[in-house]
Amino acid sequence: MSKKKRRAFTTEQKAEAVKIVKTSGKSVAQVAQELGLTVSALRSWVKQDEINQNPSPRGPLTTDERAELARLRKDLKRVEMERDF
């Protein structure tokens, strides 16, 4: 059984899909079907957009915070490897 190739979407494509959900009055499922997306992917994009629009100090991470965390983890791994060497 072969796996399907995972599609990658740009930030602009995600933003446009979220905008359609918010402005069209259609459900996430309807928009996902029209755009050929999975409902779960579009739903997570909408949820992340809501988090980005209303950040909370103790709430979920915004997209920028997630990117910073990934960068910091990568840097920490590199530093630990250098230290152990």
PDB file of N, CA and C in Angstrom:
ATOM      1  N   MET A   1       0.841  -1.170   0.000  1.00  0.00           N
ATOM      2  CA  MET A   1       0.000   0.000   0.000  1.00  0.00           C
ATOM      3  C   MET A   1       0.891   1.241   0.000  1.00  0.00           C
ATOM      4  N   SER A   2       0.707   2.105  -0.960  1.00  0.00           N
ATOM      5  CA  SER A   2       1.544   3.304  -1.034  1.00  0.00           C
ATOM      6  C   SER A   2       0.845   4.477  -0.359  1.00  0.00           C
ATOM      7  N   LYS A   3       1.677   5.320   0.216  1.00  0.00           N
ATOM      8  CA  LYS A   3       1.143   6.499   0.896  1.00  0.00           C
ATOM      9  C   LYS A   3       0.903   7.613  -0.108  1.00  0.00           C
ATOM     10  N   LYS A   4      -0.107   8.419   0.166  1.00  0.00           N
ATOM     11  CA  LYS A   4      -0.349   9.597  -0.655  1.00  0.00           C
ATOM     12  C   LYS A   4       0.722  10.632  -0.348  1.00  0.00           C
ATOM     13  N   LYS A   5       1.136  11.350  -1.361  1.00  0.00           N
ATOM     14  CA  LYS A   5       2.101  12.414  -1.142  1.00  0.00           C
ATOM     15  C   LYS A   5       1.395  13.554  -0.407  1.00  0.00           C
ATOM     16  N   ARG A   6       2.032  14.035   0.640  1.00  0.00           N
ATOM     17  CA  ARG A   6       1.443  15.105   1.443  1.00  0.00           C
ATOM     18  C   ARG A   6       1.571  16.431   0.699  1.00  0.00           C
ATOM     19  N   ARG A   7       0.458  17.115   0.561  1.00  0.00           N
ATOM     20  CA  ARG A   7       0.471  18.400  -0.123  1.00  0.00           C
ATOM     21  C   ARG A   7       0.935  19.486   0.829  1.00  0.00           C
ATOM     22  N   ALA A   8       1.644  20.455   0.293  1.00  0.00           N
ATOM     23  CA  ALA A   8       2.109  21.595   1.090  1.00  0.00           C
ATOM     24  C   ALA A   8       1.378  22.846   0.607  1.00  0.00           C
ATOM     25  N   PHE A   9       0.994  23.683   1.555  1.00  0.00           N
ATOM     26  CA  PHE A   9       0.269  24.900   1.224  1.00  0.00           C
ATOM     27  C   PHE A   9       1.045  26.093   1.749  1.00  0.00           C
ATOM     28  N   THR A  10       1.042  27.163   0.992  1.00  0.00           N
ATOM     29  CA  THR A  10       1.721  28.383   1.419  1.00  0.00           C
ATOM     30  C   THR A  10       0.873  29.095   2.467  1.00  0.00           C
ATOM     31  N   THR A  11       1.499  30.008   3.156  1.00  0.00           N
ATOM     32  CA  THR A  11       0.786  30.814   4.144  1.00  0.00           C
ATOM     33  C   THR A  11      -0.352  31.585   3.484  1.00  0.00           C
ATOM     34  N   GLU A  12      -0.111  32.055   2.266  1.00  0.00           N
ATOM     35  CA  GLU A  12      -1.126  32.822   1.547  1.00  0.00           C
ATOM     36  C   GLU A  12      -2.324  31.943   1.193  1.00  0.00           C
ATOM     37  N   GLN A  13      -2.073  30.702   0.783  1.00  0.00           N
ATOM     38  CA  GLN A  13      -3.171  29.794   0.451  1.00  0.00           C
ATOM     39  C   GLN A  13      -4.013  29.489   1.685  1.00  0.00           C
ATOM     40  N   LYS A  14      -3.350  29.268   2.800  1.00  0.00           N
ATOM     41  CA  LYS A  14      -4.069  29.001   4.045  1.00  0.00           C
ATOM     42  C   LYS A  14      -4.905  30.211   4.452  1.00  0.00           C
ATOM     43  N   ALA A  15      -4.294  31.404   4.359  1.00  0.00           N
ATOM     44  CA  ALA A  15      -4.998  32.630   4.744  1.00  0.00           C
ATOM     45  C   ALA A  15      -6.228  32.851   3.860  1.00  0.00           C
ATOM     46  N   GLU A  16      -6.102  32.567   2.577  1.00  0.00           N
ATOM     47  CA  GLU A  16      -7.226  32.752   1.661  1.00  0.00           C
ATOM     48  C   GLU A  16      -8.361  31.773   1.993  1.00  0.00           C
ATOM     49  N   ALA A  17      -8.024  30.545   2.305  1.00  0.00           N
ATOM     50  CA  ALA A  17      -9.043  29.557   2.665  1.00  0.00           C
ATOM     51  C   ALA A  17      -9.756  29.963   3.951  1.00  0.00           C
ATOM     52  N   VAL A  18      -9.003  30.444   4.931  1.00  0.00           N
ATOM     53  CA  VAL A  18      -9.595  30.894   6.193  1.00  0.00           C
ATOM     54  C   VAL A  18     -10.503  32.095   5.942  1.00  0.00           C
ATOM     55  N   LYS A  19     -10.056  32.997   5.088  1.00  0.00           N
ATOM     56  CA  LYS A  19     -10.855  34.184   4.762  1.00  0.00           C
ATOM     57  C   LYS A  19     -12.192  33.779   4.136  1.00  0.00           C
ATOM     58  N   ILE A  20     -12.166  32.783   3.267  1.00  0.00           N
ATOM     59  CA  ILE A  20     -13.400  32.310   2.634  1.00  0.00           C
ATOM     60  C   ILE A  20     -14.355  31.760   3.685  1.00  0.00           C
ATOM     61  N   VAL A  21     -13.821  30.987   4.644  1.00  0.00           N
ATOM     62  CA  VAL A  21     -14.669  30.430   5.700  1.00  0.00           C
ATOM     63  C   VAL A  21     -15.312  31.557   6.499  1.00  0.00           C
ATOM     64  N   LYS A  22     -14.521  32.571   6.850  1.00  0.00           N
ATOM     65  CA  LYS A  22     -15.025  33.634   7.722  1.00  0.00           C
ATOM     66  C   LYS A  22     -15.980  34.588   7.023  1.00  0.00           C
ATOM     67  N   THR A  23     -15.816  34.783   5.727  1.00  0.00           N
ATOM     68  CA  THR A  23     -16.637  35.787   5.043  1.00  0.00           C
ATOM     69  C   THR A  23     -17.806  35.205   4.254  1.00  0.00           C
ATOM     70  N   SER A  24     -17.750  33.933   3.910  1.00  0.00           N
ATOM     71  CA  SER A  24     -18.778  33.375   3.028  1.00  0.00           C
ATOM     72  C   SER A  24     -20.033  32.927   3.759  1.00  0.00           C
ATOM     73  N   GLY A  25     -19.915  32.671   5.056  1.00  0.00           N
ATOM     74  CA  GLY A  25     -21.051  32.156   5.790  1.00  0.00           C
ATOM     75  C   GLY A  25     -21.250  30.663   5.587  1.00  0.00           C
ATOM     76  N   LYS A  26     -20.354  30.030   4.832  1.00  0.00           N
ATOM     77  CA  LYS A  26     -20.425  28.588   4.606  1.00  0.00           C
ATOM     78  C   LYS A  26     -19.706  27.865   5.730  1.00  0.00           C
ATOM     79  N   SER A  27     -20.029  26.608   5.887  1.00  0.00           N
ATOM     80  CA  SER A  27     -19.372  25.811   6.921  1.00  0.00           C
ATOM     81  C   SER A  27     -17.950  25.443   6.473  1.00  0.00           C
ATOM     82  N   VAL A  28     -17.166  25.043   7.441  1.00  0.00           N
ATOM     83  CA  VAL A  28     -15.797  24.609   7.147  1.00  0.00           C
ATOM     84  C   VAL A  28     -15.839  23.420   6.194  1.00  0.00           C
ATOM     85  N   ALA A  29     -16.759  22.511   6.406  1.00  0.00           N
ATOM     86  CA  ALA A  29     -16.871  21.323   5.561  1.00  0.00           C
ATOM     87  C   ALA A  29     -17.195  21.696   4.111  1.00  0.00           C
ATOM     88  N   GLN A  30     -18.106  22.654   3.932  1.00  0.00           N
ATOM     89  CA  GLN A  30     -18.464  23.073   2.572  1.00  0.00           C
ATOM     90  C   GLN A  30     -17.270  23.697   1.863  1.00  0.00           C
ATOM     91  N   VAL A  31     -16.580  24.599   2.549  1.00  0.00           N
ATOM     92  CA  VAL A  31     -15.435  25.274   1.938  1.00  0.00           C
ATOM     93  C   VAL A  31     -14.320  24.267   1.650  1.00  0.00           C
ATOM     94  N   ALA A  32     -14.090  23.347   2.576  1.00  0.00           N
ATOM     95  CA  ALA A  32     -13.053  22.338   2.375  1.00  0.00           C
ATOM     96  C   ALA A  32     -13.346  21.506   1.128  1.00  0.00           C
ATOM     97  N   GLN A  33     -14.595  21.103   0.974  1.00  0.00           N
ATOM     98  CA  GLN A  33     -14.977  20.307  -0.191  1.00  0.00           C
ATOM     99  C   GLN A  33     -14.784  21.108  -1.475  1.00  0.00           C
ATOM    100  N   GLU A  34     -15.188  22.372  -1.474  1.00  0.00           N
ATOM    101  CA  GLU A  34     -15.064  23.217  -2.659  1.00  0.00           C
ATOM    102  C   GLU A  34     -13.603  23.436  -3.052  1.00  0.00           C
ATOM    103  N   LEU A  35     -12.723  23.531  -2.056  1.00  0.00           N
ATOM    104  CA  LEU A  35     -11.310  23.798  -2.327  1.00  0.00           C
ATOM    105  C   LEU A  35     -10.464  22.526  -2.439  1.00  0.00           C
ATOM    106  N   GLY A  36     -11.082  21.385  -2.214  1.00  0.00           N
ATOM    107  CA  GLY A  36     -10.347  20.129  -2.298  1.00  0.00           C
ATOM    108  C   GLY A  36      -9.401  19.906  -1.127  1.00  0.00           C
ATOM    109  N   LEU A  37      -9.819  20.367   0.049  1.00  0.00           N
ATOM    110  CA  LEU A  37      -9.014  20.221   1.263  1.00  0.00           C
ATOM    111  C   LEU A  37      -9.686  19.238   2.198  1.00  0.00           C
ATOM    112  N   THR A  38      -8.914  18.763   3.170  1.00  0.00           N
ATOM    113  CA  THR A  38      -9.536  17.947   4.210  1.00  0.00           C
ATOM    114  C   THR A  38     -10.166  18.887   5.227  1.00  0.00           C
ATOM    115  N   VAL A  39     -11.257  18.440   5.807  1.00  0.00           N
ATOM    116  CA  VAL A  39     -11.965  19.253   6.796  1.00  0.00           C
ATOM    117  C   VAL A  39     -11.056  19.519   7.998  1.00  0.00           C
ATOM    118  N   SER A  40     -10.315  18.505   8.415  1.00  0.00           N
ATOM    119  CA  SER A  40      -9.463  18.666   9.600  1.00  0.00           C
ATOM    120  C   SER A  40      -8.364  19.695   9.359  1.00  0.00           C
ATOM    121  N   ALA A  41      -7.787  19.720   8.166  1.00  0.00           N
ATOM    122  CA  ALA A  41      -6.737  20.702   7.870  1.00  0.00           C
ATOM    123  C   ALA A  41      -7.307  22.114   7.902  1.00  0.00           C
ATOM    124  N   LEU A  42      -8.423  22.318   7.224  1.00  0.00           N
ATOM    125  CA  LEU A  42      -9.021  23.651   7.182  1.00  0.00           C
ATOM    126  C   LEU A  42      -9.484  24.086   8.566  1.00  0.00           C
ATOM    127  N   ARG A  43     -10.041  23.166   9.315  1.00  0.00           N
ATOM    128  CA  ARG A  43     -10.491  23.495  10.670  1.00  0.00           C
ATOM    129  C   ARG A  43      -9.296  23.927  11.545  1.00  0.00           C
ATOM    130  N   SER A  44      -8.171  23.252  11.401  1.00  0.00           N
ATOM    131  CA  SER A  44      -6.993  23.633  12.200  1.00  0.00           C
ATOM    132  C   SER A  44      -6.448  24.990  11.754  1.00  0.00           C
ATOM    133  N   TRP A  45      -6.532  25.306  10.470  1.00  0.00           N
ATOM    134  CA  TRP A  45      -6.090  26.622  10.001  1.00  0.00           C
ATOM    135  C   TRP A  45      -6.981  27.722  10.575  1.00  0.00           C
ATOM    136  N   VAL A  46      -8.282  27.475  10.603  1.00  0.00           N
ATOM    137  CA  VAL A  46      -9.215  28.462  11.154  1.00  0.00           C
ATOM    138  C   VAL A  46      -8.949  28.652  12.641  1.00  0.00           C
ATOM    139  N   LYS A  47      -8.742  27.559  13.348  1.00  0.00           N
ATOM    140  CA  LYS A  47      -8.470  27.626  14.784  1.00  0.00           C
ATOM    141  C   LYS A  47      -7.172  28.393  15.049  1.00  0.00           C
ATOM    142  N   GLN A  48      -6.119  28.110  14.265  1.00  0.00           N
ATOM    143  CA  GLN A  48      -4.847  28.806  14.454  1.00  0.00           C
ATOM    144  C   GLN A  48      -4.989  30.289  14.135  1.00  0.00           C
ATOM    145  N   ASP A  49      -5.798  30.631  13.154  1.00  0.00           N
ATOM    146  CA  ASP A  49      -6.028  32.035  12.830  1.00  0.00           C
ATOM    147  C   ASP A  49      -6.708  32.749  13.994  1.00  0.00           C
ATOM    148  N   GLU A  50      -7.661  32.086  14.636  1.00  0.00           N
ATOM    149  CA  GLU A  50      -8.332  32.680  15.795  1.00  0.00           C
ATOM    150  C   GLU A  50      -7.343  32.897  16.939  1.00  0.00           C
ATOM    151  N   ILE A  51      -6.426  31.952  17.127  1.00  0.00           N
ATOM    152  CA  ILE A  51      -5.394  32.093  18.158  1.00  0.00           C
ATOM    153  C   ILE A  51      -4.486  33.271  17.829  1.00  0.00           C
ATOM    154  N   ASN A  52      -4.105  33.403  16.552  1.00  0.00           N
ATOM    155  CA  ASN A  52      -3.231  34.506  16.138  1.00  0.00           C
ATOM    156  C   ASN A  52      -3.909  35.864  16.309  1.00  0.00           C
ATOM    157  N   GLN A  53      -5.218  35.899  16.072  1.00  0.00           N
ATOM    158  CA  GLN A  53      -5.954  37.163  16.172  1.00  0.00           C
ATOM    159  C   GLN A  53      -6.192  37.581  17.622  1.00  0.00           C
ATOM    160  N   ASN A  54      -6.292  36.621  18.517  1.00  0.00           N
ATOM    161  CA  ASN A  54      -6.571  36.899  19.926  1.00  0.00           C
ATOM    162  C   ASN A  54      -5.562  36.187  20.826  1.00  0.00           C
ATOM    163  N   PRO A  55      -4.299  36.626  20.797  1.00  0.00           N
ATOM    164  CA  PRO A  55      -3.284  35.925  21.608  1.00  0.00           C
ATOM    165  C   PRO A  55      -3.556  36.077  23.099  1.00  0.00           C
ATOM    166  N   SER A  56      -3.204  35.041  23.845  1.00  0.00           N
ATOM    167  CA  SER A  56      -3.395  35.019  25.283  1.00  0.00           C
ATOM    168  C   SER A  56      -2.090  34.569  25.925  1.00  0.00           C
ATOM    169  N   PRO A  57      -1.657  35.260  26.985  1.00  0.00           N
ATOM    170  CA  PRO A  57      -0.381  34.888  27.613  1.00  0.00           C
ATOM    171  C   PRO A  57      -0.345  33.435  28.095  1.00  0.00           C
ATOM    172  N   ARG A  58      -1.461  32.916  28.533  1.00  0.00           N
ATOM    173  CA  ARG A  58      -1.492  31.534  29.035  1.00  0.00           C
ATOM    174  C   ARG A  58      -2.213  30.590  28.070  1.00  0.00           C
ATOM    175  N   GLY A  59      -2.573  31.096  26.924  1.00  0.00           N
ATOM    176  CA  GLY A  59      -3.307  30.282  25.957  1.00  0.00           C
ATOM    177  C   GLY A  59      -2.381  29.561  24.997  1.00  0.00           C
ATOM    178  N   PRO A  60      -2.948  29.012  23.937  1.00  0.00           N
ATOM    179  CA  PRO A  60      -2.158  28.300  22.931  1.00  0.00           C
ATOM    180  C   PRO A  60      -1.170  29.230  22.230  1.00  0.00           C
ATOM    181  N   LEU A  61      -0.148  28.634  21.622  1.00  0.00           N
ATOM    182  CA  LEU A  61       0.889  29.416  20.954  1.00  0.00           C
ATOM    183  C   LEU A  61       0.400  29.974  19.624  1.00  0.00           C
ATOM    184  N   THR A  62       0.820  31.210  19.337  1.00  0.00           N
ATOM    185  CA  THR A  62       0.540  31.795  18.033  1.00  0.00           C
ATOM    186  C   THR A  62       1.513  31.193  17.022  1.00  0.00           C
ATOM    187  N   THR A  63       1.284  31.467  15.758  1.00  0.00           N
ATOM    188  CA  THR A  63       2.152  30.951  14.705  1.00  0.00           C
ATOM    189  C   THR A  63       3.578  31.459  14.891  1.00  0.00           C
ATOM    190  N   ASP A  64       3.735  32.735  15.223  1.00  0.00           N
ATOM    191  CA  ASP A  64       5.068  33.295  15.442  1.00  0.00           C
ATOM    192  C   ASP A  64       5.761  32.644  16.634  1.00  0.00           C
ATOM    193  N   GLU A  65       4.999  32.396  17.691  1.00  0.00           N
ATOM    194  CA  GLU A  65       5.572  31.749  18.871  1.00  0.00           C
ATOM    195  C   GLU A  65       5.987  30.314  18.560  1.00  0.00           C
ATOM    196  N   ARG A  66       5.203  29.624  17.743  1.00  0.00           N
ATOM    197  CA  ARG A  66       5.563  28.262  17.343  1.00  0.00           C
ATOM    198  C   ARG A  66       6.863  28.260  16.534  1.00  0.00           C
ATOM    199  N   ALA A  67       6.996  29.218  15.622  1.00  0.00           N
ATOM    200  CA  ALA A  67       8.212  29.307  14.808  1.00  0.00           C
ATOM    201  C   ALA A  67       9.420  29.605  15.691  1.00  0.00           C
ATOM    202  N   GLU A  68       9.261  30.508  16.644  1.00  0.00           N
ATOM    203  CA  GLU A  68      10.355  30.835  17.556  1.00  0.00           C
ATOM    204  C   GLU A  68      10.727  29.621  18.402  1.00  0.00           C
ATOM    205  N   LEU A  69       9.750  28.897  18.901  1.00  0.00           N
ATOM    206  CA  LEU A  69      10.013  27.708  19.705  1.00  0.00           C
ATOM    207  C   LEU A  69      10.780  26.662  18.890  1.00  0.00           C
ATOM    208  N   ALA A  70      10.383  26.452  17.645  1.00  0.00           N
ATOM    209  CA  ALA A  70      11.082  25.488  16.789  1.00  0.00           C
ATOM    210  C   ALA A  70      12.522  25.916  16.568  1.00  0.00           C
ATOM    211  N   ARG A  71      12.735  27.216  16.329  1.00  0.00           N
ATOM    212  CA  ARG A  71      14.091  27.732  16.121  1.00  0.00           C
ATOM    213  C   ARG A  71      14.932  27.560  17.376  1.00  0.00           C
ATOM    214  N   LEU A  72      14.366  27.853  18.537  1.00  0.00           N
ATOM    215  CA  LEU A  72      15.093  27.721  19.796  1.00  0.00           C
ATOM    216  C   LEU A  72      15.441  26.264  20.099  1.00  0.00           C
ATOM    217  N   ARG A  73      14.525  25.365  19.813  1.00  0.00           N
ATOM    218  CA  ARG A  73      14.806  23.940  20.027  1.00  0.00           C
ATOM    219  C   ARG A  73      15.934  23.465  19.122  1.00  0.00           C
ATOM    220  N   LYS A  74      15.929  23.933  17.882  1.00  0.00           N
ATOM    221  CA  LYS A  74      16.990  23.573  16.941  1.00  0.00           C
ATOM    222  C   LYS A  74      18.333  24.107  17.430  1.00  0.00           C
ATOM    223  N   ASP A  75      18.345  25.364  17.876  1.00  0.00           N
ATOM    224  CA  ASP A  75      19.579  25.963  18.402  1.00  0.00           C
ATOM    225  C   ASP A  75      20.071  25.220  19.640  1.00  0.00           C
ATOM    226  N   LEU A  76      19.157  24.856  20.530  1.00  0.00           N
ATOM    227  CA  LEU A  76      19.532  24.136  21.732  1.00  0.00           C
ATOM    228  C   LEU A  76      20.143  22.780  21.388  1.00  0.00           C
ATOM    229  N   LYS A  77      19.549  22.091  20.439  1.00  0.00           N
ATOM    230  CA  LYS A  77      20.087  20.790  20.028  1.00  0.00           C
ATOM    231  C   LYS A  77      21.508  20.940  19.484  1.00  0.00           C
ATOM    232  N   ARG A  78      21.728  21.982  18.681  1.00  0.00           N
ATOM    233  CA  ARG A  78      23.058  22.233  18.118  1.00  0.00           C
ATOM    234  C   ARG A  78      24.062  22.527  19.225  1.00  0.00           C
ATOM    235  N   VAL A  79      23.694  23.367  20.178  1.00  0.00           N
ATOM    236  CA  VAL A  79      24.577  23.742  21.286  1.00  0.00           C
ATOM    237  C   VAL A  79      24.893  22.524  22.153  1.00  0.00           C
ATOM    238  N   GLU A  80      23.882  21.691  22.406  1.00  0.00           N
ATOM    239  CA  GLU A  80      24.120  20.489  23.199  1.00  0.00           C
ATOM    240  C   GLU A  80      25.071  19.537  22.501  1.00  0.00           C
ATOM    241  N   MET A  81      24.937  19.418  21.195  1.00  0.00           N
ATOM    242  CA  MET A  81      25.839  18.558  20.417  1.00  0.00           C
ATOM    243  C   MET A  81      27.261  19.105  20.473  1.00  0.00           C
ATOM    244  N   GLU A  82      27.415  20.419  20.344  1.00  0.00           N
ATOM    245  CA  GLU A  82      28.743  21.036  20.437  1.00  0.00           C
ATOM    246  C   GLU A  82      29.351  20.809  21.808  1.00  0.00           C
ATOM    247  N   ARG A  83      28.535  20.965  22.835  1.00  0.00           N
ATOM    248  CA  ARG A  83      29.006  20.766  24.207  1.00  0.00           C
ATOM    249  C   ARG A  83      29.470  19.326  24.428  1.00  0.00           C
ATOM    250  N   ASP A  84      28.700  18.382  23.944  1.00  0.00           N
ATOM    251  CA  ASP A  84      29.009  16.972  24.145  1.00  0.00           C
ATOM    252  C   ASP A  84      30.208  16.517  23.328  1.00  0.00           C
ATOM    253  N   PHE A  85      30.508  17.230  22.275  1.00  0.00           N
ATOM    254  CA  PHE A  85      31.639  16.872  21.441  1.00  0.00           C
ATOM    255  C   PHE A  85      32.911  17.231  22.159  1.00  0.00           C
TER     256      PHE A  85
END
